Amino acid sequence: MAAPCFPGAELRAATSSPLATREPCGTPTSFGFPKSARILRAADFRKAYNEGTRFTGRCFAAFCLRVEREPSDGPRLGFTVPRVFGKAVLRNRVKRRIREALRVRLPEVAPEWDIVINPRRPAIAVPVEELRREVDRLVAQCRKQ
């Protein structure tokens, strides 16, 4: 094994390897959404906007559309954050915050729902508890309809 190039430098593991993000047993460390749980096509987003029920809150607006599908597929989520919202770092941060709050409550949402989330500016700085309360209200709204 070669010595480090800089005095006092220590050897580190390669982080660009695909295996670097996996646990020793081979399971991924993140709990991301599979493609089957995401809305990916523009036509599906447009349909949710045009035909869905609008739910408004302080942190986001959500468009909920009931779609006939197999119960094993589960609900689908989509996020739309316009460029006017801010730079990509800010847009991605707000999506991650809302996605995590929804991920925890997703099993409680009926499988026939397509939900498109459109974050608002307060979602950047609100405490996590308030964001979770908004998501709880959204889940309750989807259960009522």
N, C-alpha and C. Protein backbone atom coordinates (compact mmCIF):
# COMPACT_ATOMS: atom_id res chain seq x y z
N MET A 1 0.84 -1.16 0.00
CA MET A 1 0.00 0.00 0.00
C MET A 1 0.88 1.23 0.00
N ALA A 2 0.55 2.19 -0.82
CA ALA A 2 1.35 3.40 -0.95
C ALA A 2 1.11 4.33 0.24
N ALA A 3 2.12 5.12 0.54
CA ALA A 3 2.01 6.08 1.64
C ALA A 3 1.23 7.30 1.17
N PRO A 4 0.59 8.03 2.08
CA PRO A 4 -0.13 9.24 1.70
C PRO A 4 0.81 10.28 1.10
N CYS A 5 0.29 11.11 0.21
CA CYS A 5 1.08 12.12 -0.48
C CYS A 5 1.48 13.27 0.44
N PHE A 6 0.65 13.58 1.40
CA PHE A 6 0.91 14.71 2.29
C PHE A 6 1.31 14.20 3.66
N PRO A 7 2.29 14.84 4.28
CA PRO A 7 2.64 14.42 5.64
C PRO A 7 1.46 14.69 6.58
N GLY A 8 1.16 13.76 7.41
CA GLY A 8 0.06 13.90 8.35
C GLY A 8 -1.29 13.53 7.76
N ALA A 9 -1.35 13.26 6.44
CA ALA A 9 -2.62 12.88 5.82
C ALA A 9 -2.91 11.42 6.13
N GLU A 10 -4.18 11.11 6.21
CA GLU A 10 -4.56 9.73 6.49
C GLU A 10 -5.36 9.17 5.33
N LEU A 11 -5.34 7.88 5.19
CA LEU A 11 -6.07 7.24 4.11
C LEU A 11 -7.56 7.25 4.42
N ARG A 12 -8.38 7.51 3.39
CA ARG A 12 -9.83 7.51 3.55
C ARG A 12 -10.44 6.57 2.54
N ALA A 13 -11.64 6.13 2.82
CA ALA A 13 -12.37 5.26 1.90
C ALA A 13 -12.90 6.10 0.73
N ALA A 14 -13.01 5.46 -0.42
CA ALA A 14 -13.56 6.15 -1.59
C ALA A 14 -15.05 6.36 -1.40
N THR A 15 -15.53 7.59 -1.55
CA THR A 15 -16.95 7.85 -1.36
C THR A 15 -17.70 7.92 -2.67
N SER A 16 -17.00 7.85 -3.79
CA SER A 16 -17.70 7.89 -5.07
C SER A 16 -18.12 6.50 -5.52
N SER A 17 -17.74 5.50 -4.77
CA SER A 17 -18.12 4.14 -5.09
C SER A 17 -19.60 3.92 -4.82
N PRO A 18 -20.30 3.14 -5.69
CA PRO A 18 -21.71 2.86 -5.42
C PRO A 18 -21.91 2.11 -4.10
N LEU A 19 -20.93 1.38 -3.65
CA LEU A 19 -21.05 0.63 -2.42
C LEU A 19 -20.84 1.50 -1.19
N ALA A 20 -20.37 2.73 -1.37
CA ALA A 20 -20.10 3.61 -0.23
C ALA A 20 -21.38 4.04 0.47
N THR A 21 -22.50 4.01 -0.21
CA THR A 21 -23.76 4.44 0.41
C THR A 21 -24.55 3.27 0.96
N ARG A 22 -23.96 2.10 1.02
CA ARG A 22 -24.67 0.92 1.49
C ARG A 22 -24.13 0.47 2.84
N GLU A 23 -25.00 -0.12 3.60
CA GLU A 23 -24.61 -0.72 4.87
C GLU A 23 -23.78 -1.97 4.58
N PRO A 24 -23.05 -2.48 5.56
CA PRO A 24 -22.26 -3.69 5.34
C PRO A 24 -23.09 -4.88 4.86
N CYS A 25 -24.37 -4.95 5.25
CA CYS A 25 -25.18 -6.08 4.83
C CYS A 25 -25.72 -5.89 3.41
N GLY A 26 -25.52 -4.73 2.80
CA GLY A 26 -25.94 -4.51 1.42
C GLY A 26 -27.25 -3.77 1.27
N THR A 27 -27.85 -3.32 2.37
CA THR A 27 -29.09 -2.57 2.26
C THR A 27 -28.78 -1.08 2.14
N PRO A 28 -29.55 -0.34 1.35
CA PRO A 28 -29.28 1.08 1.22
C PRO A 28 -29.54 1.82 2.54
N THR A 29 -28.78 2.89 2.76
CA THR A 29 -28.94 3.66 4.00
C THR A 29 -30.07 4.66 3.90
N SER A 30 -30.50 5.02 2.70
CA SER A 30 -31.58 5.99 2.56
C SER A 30 -32.91 5.27 2.38
N PHE A 31 -33.98 5.94 2.74
CA PHE A 31 -35.31 5.38 2.60
C PHE A 31 -36.03 6.15 1.51
N GLY A 32 -35.48 6.20 0.32
CA GLY A 32 -36.07 6.96 -0.77
C GLY A 32 -37.34 6.32 -1.30
N PHE A 33 -38.01 7.05 -2.15
CA PHE A 33 -39.22 6.56 -2.76
C PHE A 33 -38.88 5.80 -4.03
N PRO A 34 -39.45 4.62 -4.23
CA PRO A 34 -39.24 3.92 -5.50
C PRO A 34 -39.98 4.64 -6.62
N LYS A 35 -39.65 4.34 -7.85
CA LYS A 35 -40.31 5.00 -8.98
C LYS A 35 -41.80 4.75 -8.99
N SER A 36 -42.23 3.62 -8.46
CA SER A 36 -43.66 3.32 -8.43
C SER A 36 -44.42 4.24 -7.48
N ALA A 37 -43.72 4.90 -6.55
CA ALA A 37 -44.36 5.79 -5.59
C ALA A 37 -44.24 7.26 -5.99
N ARG A 38 -43.72 7.53 -7.20
CA ARG A 38 -43.53 8.92 -7.64
C ARG A 38 -44.36 9.20 -8.88
N ILE A 39 -44.80 10.43 -8.99
CA ILE A 39 -45.44 10.89 -10.22
C ILE A 39 -44.32 11.44 -11.09
N LEU A 40 -44.15 10.90 -12.28
CA LEU A 40 -43.02 11.26 -13.12
C LEU A 40 -43.41 11.93 -14.43
N ARG A 41 -44.58 11.64 -14.95
CA ARG A 41 -44.97 12.18 -16.26
C ARG A 41 -45.68 13.52 -16.11
N ALA A 42 -45.40 14.42 -17.03
CA ALA A 42 -46.02 15.74 -17.02
C ALA A 42 -47.54 15.64 -17.15
N ALA A 43 -48.02 14.66 -17.89
CA ALA A 43 -49.47 14.48 -18.06
C ALA A 43 -50.13 14.13 -16.72
N ASP A 44 -49.45 13.35 -15.89
CA ASP A 44 -50.00 13.00 -14.58
C ASP A 44 -50.03 14.21 -13.65
N PHE A 45 -48.99 15.05 -13.72
CA PHE A 45 -48.99 16.29 -12.94
C PHE A 45 -50.13 17.19 -13.37
N ARG A 46 -50.29 17.36 -14.68
CA ARG A 46 -51.33 18.23 -15.22
C ARG A 46 -52.72 17.73 -14.83
N LYS A 47 -52.90 16.41 -14.87
CA LYS A 47 -54.20 15.83 -14.51
C LYS A 47 -54.52 16.09 -13.04
N ALA A 48 -53.52 15.97 -12.16
CA ALA A 48 -53.73 16.25 -10.74
C ALA A 48 -54.07 17.72 -10.52
N TYR A 49 -53.41 18.62 -11.25
CA TYR A 49 -53.71 20.05 -11.13
C TYR A 49 -55.12 20.36 -11.61
N ASN A 50 -55.50 19.81 -12.74
CA ASN A 50 -56.79 20.16 -13.35
C ASN A 50 -57.98 19.47 -12.69
N GLU A 51 -57.83 18.20 -12.33
CA GLU A 51 -58.96 17.42 -11.85
C GLU A 51 -58.94 17.15 -10.35
N GLY A 52 -57.81 17.41 -9.70
CA GLY A 52 -57.67 17.09 -8.29
C GLY A 52 -58.28 18.13 -7.37
N THR A 53 -58.40 17.75 -6.11
CA THR A 53 -58.90 18.64 -5.07
C THR A 53 -57.73 19.39 -4.47
N ARG A 54 -57.86 20.70 -4.35
CA ARG A 54 -56.78 21.53 -3.82
C ARG A 54 -56.87 21.58 -2.30
N PHE A 55 -55.73 21.34 -1.66
CA PHE A 55 -55.60 21.46 -0.22
C PHE A 55 -54.56 22.55 0.03
N THR A 56 -54.92 23.60 0.76
CA THR A 56 -53.98 24.68 1.00
C THR A 56 -53.60 24.73 2.46
N GLY A 57 -52.36 25.08 2.68
CA GLY A 57 -51.84 25.23 4.03
C GLY A 57 -50.78 26.31 4.01
N ARG A 58 -50.18 26.54 5.16
CA ARG A 58 -49.16 27.58 5.25
C ARG A 58 -47.87 27.18 4.54
N CYS A 59 -47.52 25.90 4.59
CA CYS A 59 -46.24 25.43 4.06
C CYS A 59 -46.29 24.96 2.61
N PHE A 60 -47.45 24.50 2.17
CA PHE A 60 -47.54 23.99 0.81
C PHE A 60 -48.99 23.94 0.36
N ALA A 61 -49.15 23.85 -0.94
CA ALA A 61 -50.46 23.56 -1.54
C ALA A 61 -50.35 22.15 -2.11
N ALA A 62 -51.38 21.36 -1.93
CA ALA A 62 -51.38 19.99 -2.43
C ALA A 62 -52.60 19.78 -3.31
N PHE A 63 -52.41 19.01 -4.36
CA PHE A 63 -53.48 18.65 -5.27
C PHE A 63 -53.65 17.15 -5.17
N CYS A 64 -54.81 16.72 -4.69
CA CYS A 64 -55.06 15.30 -4.43
C CYS A 64 -56.06 14.79 -5.46
N LEU A 65 -55.68 13.74 -6.17
CA LEU A 65 -56.54 13.16 -7.19
C LEU A 65 -56.70 11.67 -6.92
N ARG A 66 -57.96 11.21 -6.88
CA ARG A 66 -58.23 9.79 -6.69
C ARG A 66 -58.14 9.10 -8.05
N VAL A 67 -57.30 8.06 -8.13
CA VAL A 67 -57.07 7.33 -9.38
C VAL A 67 -57.27 5.85 -9.11
N GLU A 68 -57.95 5.17 -10.01
CA GLU A 68 -58.14 3.72 -9.86
C GLU A 68 -56.84 3.00 -10.18
N ARG A 69 -56.34 2.22 -9.22
CA ARG A 69 -55.15 1.41 -9.43
C ARG A 69 -55.14 0.26 -8.44
N GLU A 70 -54.22 -0.63 -8.61
CA GLU A 70 -54.09 -1.79 -7.72
C GLU A 70 -53.72 -1.33 -6.31
N PRO A 71 -54.30 -1.92 -5.28
CA PRO A 71 -53.95 -1.53 -3.90
C PRO A 71 -52.49 -1.78 -3.56
N SER A 72 -51.87 -2.73 -4.22
CA SER A 72 -50.47 -3.03 -3.92
C SER A 72 -49.53 -1.93 -4.41
N ASP A 73 -49.98 -1.08 -5.35
CA ASP A 73 -49.12 -0.03 -5.87
C ASP A 73 -48.90 1.10 -4.87
N GLY A 74 -49.89 1.42 -4.06
CA GLY A 74 -49.77 2.48 -3.08
C GLY A 74 -49.95 3.86 -3.69
N PRO A 75 -49.98 4.90 -2.86
CA PRO A 75 -50.16 6.27 -3.36
C PRO A 75 -48.90 6.76 -4.08
N ARG A 76 -49.09 7.75 -4.93
CA ARG A 76 -47.95 8.34 -5.64
C ARG A 76 -47.82 9.82 -5.26
N LEU A 77 -46.57 10.28 -5.18
CA LEU A 77 -46.29 11.67 -4.82
C LEU A 77 -45.51 12.35 -5.92
N GLY A 78 -45.75 13.65 -6.06
CA GLY A 78 -44.98 14.47 -6.99
C GLY A 78 -44.73 15.83 -6.35
N PHE A 79 -43.61 16.44 -6.69
CA PHE A 79 -43.26 17.76 -6.16
C PHE A 79 -42.99 18.70 -7.31
N THR A 80 -43.51 19.92 -7.20
CA THR A 80 -43.21 20.96 -8.19
C THR A 80 -42.78 22.20 -7.44
N VAL A 81 -41.56 22.63 -7.70
CA VAL A 81 -41.05 23.84 -7.08
C VAL A 81 -40.51 24.71 -8.22
N PRO A 82 -41.15 25.86 -8.49
CA PRO A 82 -40.70 26.69 -9.60
C PRO A 82 -39.35 27.34 -9.32
N ARG A 83 -38.66 27.75 -10.37
CA ARG A 83 -37.35 28.37 -10.22
C ARG A 83 -37.42 29.70 -9.48
N VAL A 84 -38.57 30.33 -9.51
CA VAL A 84 -38.74 31.60 -8.81
C VAL A 84 -38.57 31.41 -7.31
N PHE A 85 -38.78 30.20 -6.82
CA PHE A 85 -38.67 29.87 -5.40
C PHE A 85 -37.27 30.18 -4.87
N GLY A 86 -36.26 29.95 -5.68
CA GLY A 86 -34.88 30.17 -5.26
C GLY A 86 -33.93 29.27 -6.03
N LYS A 87 -32.69 29.27 -5.61
CA LYS A 87 -31.69 28.43 -6.28
C LYS A 87 -31.96 26.95 -6.02
N ALA A 88 -31.29 26.10 -6.78
CA ALA A 88 -31.54 24.66 -6.72
C ALA A 88 -31.34 24.09 -5.32
N VAL A 89 -30.35 24.60 -4.59
CA VAL A 89 -30.09 24.11 -3.25
C VAL A 89 -31.30 24.34 -2.36
N LEU A 90 -31.90 25.50 -2.45
CA LEU A 90 -33.08 25.84 -1.66
C LEU A 90 -34.29 25.01 -2.08
N ARG A 91 -34.47 24.87 -3.40
CA ARG A 91 -35.60 24.08 -3.89
C ARG A 91 -35.49 22.63 -3.46
N ASN A 92 -34.30 22.06 -3.55
CA ASN A 92 -34.10 20.67 -3.15
C ASN A 92 -34.25 20.48 -1.64
N ARG A 93 -33.80 21.46 -0.87
CA ARG A 93 -33.93 21.36 0.59
C ARG A 93 -35.40 21.30 1.01
N VAL A 94 -36.21 22.17 0.44
CA VAL A 94 -37.62 22.18 0.83
C VAL A 94 -38.31 20.90 0.38
N LYS A 95 -37.94 20.37 -0.78
CA LYS A 95 -38.52 19.10 -1.22
C LYS A 95 -38.13 17.96 -0.28
N ARG A 96 -36.87 17.94 0.16
CA ARG A 96 -36.42 16.90 1.08
C ARG A 96 -37.17 16.97 2.41
N ARG A 97 -37.38 18.17 2.92
CA ARG A 97 -38.07 18.32 4.20
C ARG A 97 -39.50 17.80 4.11
N ILE A 98 -40.21 18.19 3.07
CA ILE A 98 -41.60 17.75 2.93
C ILE A 98 -41.67 16.27 2.61
N ARG A 99 -40.76 15.79 1.77
CA ARG A 99 -40.76 14.37 1.41
C ARG A 99 -40.55 13.49 2.64
N GLU A 100 -39.66 13.89 3.53
CA GLU A 100 -39.42 13.10 4.74
C GLU A 100 -40.64 13.11 5.65
N ALA A 101 -41.29 14.26 5.79
CA ALA A 101 -42.50 14.32 6.62
C ALA A 101 -43.60 13.43 6.02
N LEU A 102 -43.68 13.37 4.70
CA LEU A 102 -44.68 12.53 4.05
C LEU A 102 -44.30 11.05 4.08
N ARG A 103 -43.02 10.75 4.00
CA ARG A 103 -42.58 9.36 3.98
C ARG A 103 -43.04 8.63 5.24
N VAL A 104 -42.99 9.30 6.37
CA VAL A 104 -43.38 8.69 7.64
C VAL A 104 -44.88 8.39 7.65
N ARG A 105 -45.68 9.24 7.05
CA ARG A 105 -47.14 9.10 7.07
C ARG A 105 -47.71 8.40 5.83
N LEU A 106 -46.88 8.08 4.86
CA LEU A 106 -47.35 7.51 3.60
C LEU A 106 -48.15 6.22 3.76
N PRO A 107 -47.82 5.31 4.68
CA PRO A 107 -48.63 4.10 4.82
C PRO A 107 -50.08 4.38 5.23
N GLU A 108 -50.33 5.54 5.79
CA GLU A 108 -51.69 5.88 6.23
C GLU A 108 -52.55 6.45 5.10
N VAL A 109 -51.93 6.77 3.96
CA VAL A 109 -52.66 7.32 2.82
C VAL A 109 -53.17 6.15 1.99
N ALA A 110 -54.42 6.23 1.58
CA ALA A 110 -55.01 5.17 0.76
C ALA A 110 -54.26 5.05 -0.57
N PRO A 111 -54.16 3.84 -1.12
CA PRO A 111 -53.35 3.63 -2.32
C PRO A 111 -53.88 4.28 -3.59
N GLU A 112 -55.11 4.75 -3.61
CA GLU A 112 -55.66 5.30 -4.86
C GLU A 112 -55.36 6.78 -5.07
N TRP A 113 -54.53 7.38 -4.22
CA TRP A 113 -54.29 8.81 -4.31
C TRP A 113 -53.03 9.16 -5.09
N ASP A 114 -53.14 10.18 -5.94
CA ASP A 114 -51.99 10.87 -6.53
C ASP A 114 -51.95 12.23 -5.86
N ILE A 115 -50.83 12.58 -5.27
CA ILE A 115 -50.70 13.84 -4.54
C ILE A 115 -49.54 14.63 -5.13
N VAL A 116 -49.83 15.86 -5.57
CA VAL A 116 -48.79 16.76 -6.06
C VAL A 116 -48.64 17.87 -5.04
N ILE A 117 -47.42 18.05 -4.56
CA ILE A 117 -47.12 19.05 -3.54
C ILE A 117 -46.42 20.23 -4.20
N ASN A 118 -46.91 21.42 -3.90
CA ASN A 118 -46.30 22.66 -4.38
C ASN A 118 -45.91 23.48 -3.15
N PRO A 119 -44.62 23.42 -2.72
CA PRO A 119 -44.20 24.10 -1.50
C PRO A 119 -44.32 25.62 -1.60
N ARG A 120 -44.49 26.23 -0.45
CA ARG A 120 -44.51 27.69 -0.34
C ARG A 120 -43.28 28.12 0.46
N ARG A 121 -42.94 29.38 0.36
CA ARG A 121 -41.72 29.89 1.00
C ARG A 121 -41.61 29.62 2.50
N PRO A 122 -42.68 29.70 3.28
CA PRO A 122 -42.52 29.42 4.72
C PRO A 122 -42.02 28.00 5.02
N ALA A 123 -42.15 27.07 4.08
CA ALA A 123 -41.72 25.68 4.31
C ALA A 123 -40.21 25.57 4.51
N ILE A 124 -39.47 26.60 4.11
CA ILE A 124 -38.02 26.56 4.26
C ILE A 124 -37.62 26.67 5.72
N ALA A 125 -38.28 27.57 6.45
CA ALA A 125 -37.82 27.91 7.79
C ALA A 125 -38.71 27.41 8.93
N VAL A 126 -39.87 26.83 8.63
CA VAL A 126 -40.74 26.40 9.73
C VAL A 126 -40.12 25.23 10.46
N PRO A 127 -40.42 25.09 11.75
CA PRO A 127 -39.92 23.93 12.49
C PRO A 127 -40.52 22.64 11.92
N VAL A 128 -39.82 21.57 12.13
CA VAL A 128 -40.24 20.27 11.61
C VAL A 128 -41.60 19.87 12.16
N GLU A 129 -41.88 20.21 13.42
CA GLU A 129 -43.16 19.85 14.03
C GLU A 129 -44.32 20.50 13.28
N GLU A 130 -44.16 21.75 12.88
CA GLU A 130 -45.23 22.43 12.14
C GLU A 130 -45.42 21.81 10.76
N LEU A 131 -44.31 21.45 10.13
CA LEU A 131 -44.39 20.80 8.82
C LEU A 131 -45.12 19.46 8.95
N ARG A 132 -44.85 18.73 10.01
CA ARG A 132 -45.53 17.45 10.24
C ARG A 132 -47.02 17.65 10.49
N ARG A 133 -47.37 18.73 11.20
CA ARG A 133 -48.79 19.01 11.42
C ARG A 133 -49.51 19.28 10.11
N GLU A 134 -48.85 20.01 9.21
CA GLU A 134 -49.45 20.27 7.89
C GLU A 134 -49.65 18.96 7.13
N VAL A 135 -48.65 18.08 7.19
CA VAL A 135 -48.75 16.79 6.51
C VAL A 135 -49.86 15.96 7.15
N ASP A 136 -50.00 16.00 8.46
CA ASP A 136 -51.08 15.29 9.14
C ASP A 136 -52.44 15.78 8.66
N ARG A 137 -52.58 17.08 8.49
CA ARG A 137 -53.84 17.64 7.98
C ARG A 137 -54.11 17.16 6.56
N LEU A 138 -53.05 17.08 5.74
CA LEU A 138 -53.21 16.59 4.37
C LEU A 138 -53.66 15.13 4.36
N VAL A 139 -53.04 14.30 5.19
CA VAL A 139 -53.39 12.88 5.27
C VAL A 139 -54.84 12.73 5.73
N ALA A 140 -55.24 13.52 6.72
CA ALA A 140 -56.62 13.46 7.22
C ALA A 140 -57.59 13.90 6.12
N GLN A 141 -57.22 14.90 5.35
CA GLN A 141 -58.07 15.38 4.25
C GLN A 141 -58.25 14.29 3.19
N CYS A 142 -57.17 13.57 2.89
CA CYS A 142 -57.26 12.50 1.89
C CYS A 142 -58.12 11.35 2.41
N ARG A 143 -58.11 11.12 3.70
CA ARG A 143 -58.94 10.05 4.27
C ARG A 143 -60.42 10.39 4.20
N LYS A 144 -60.75 11.69 4.36
CA LYS A 144 -62.16 12.12 4.37
C LYS A 144 -62.82 11.95 3.01
N GLN A 145 -62.10 12.20 1.96
CA GLN A 145 -62.71 12.22 0.63
C GLN A 145 -62.90 10.85 0.05
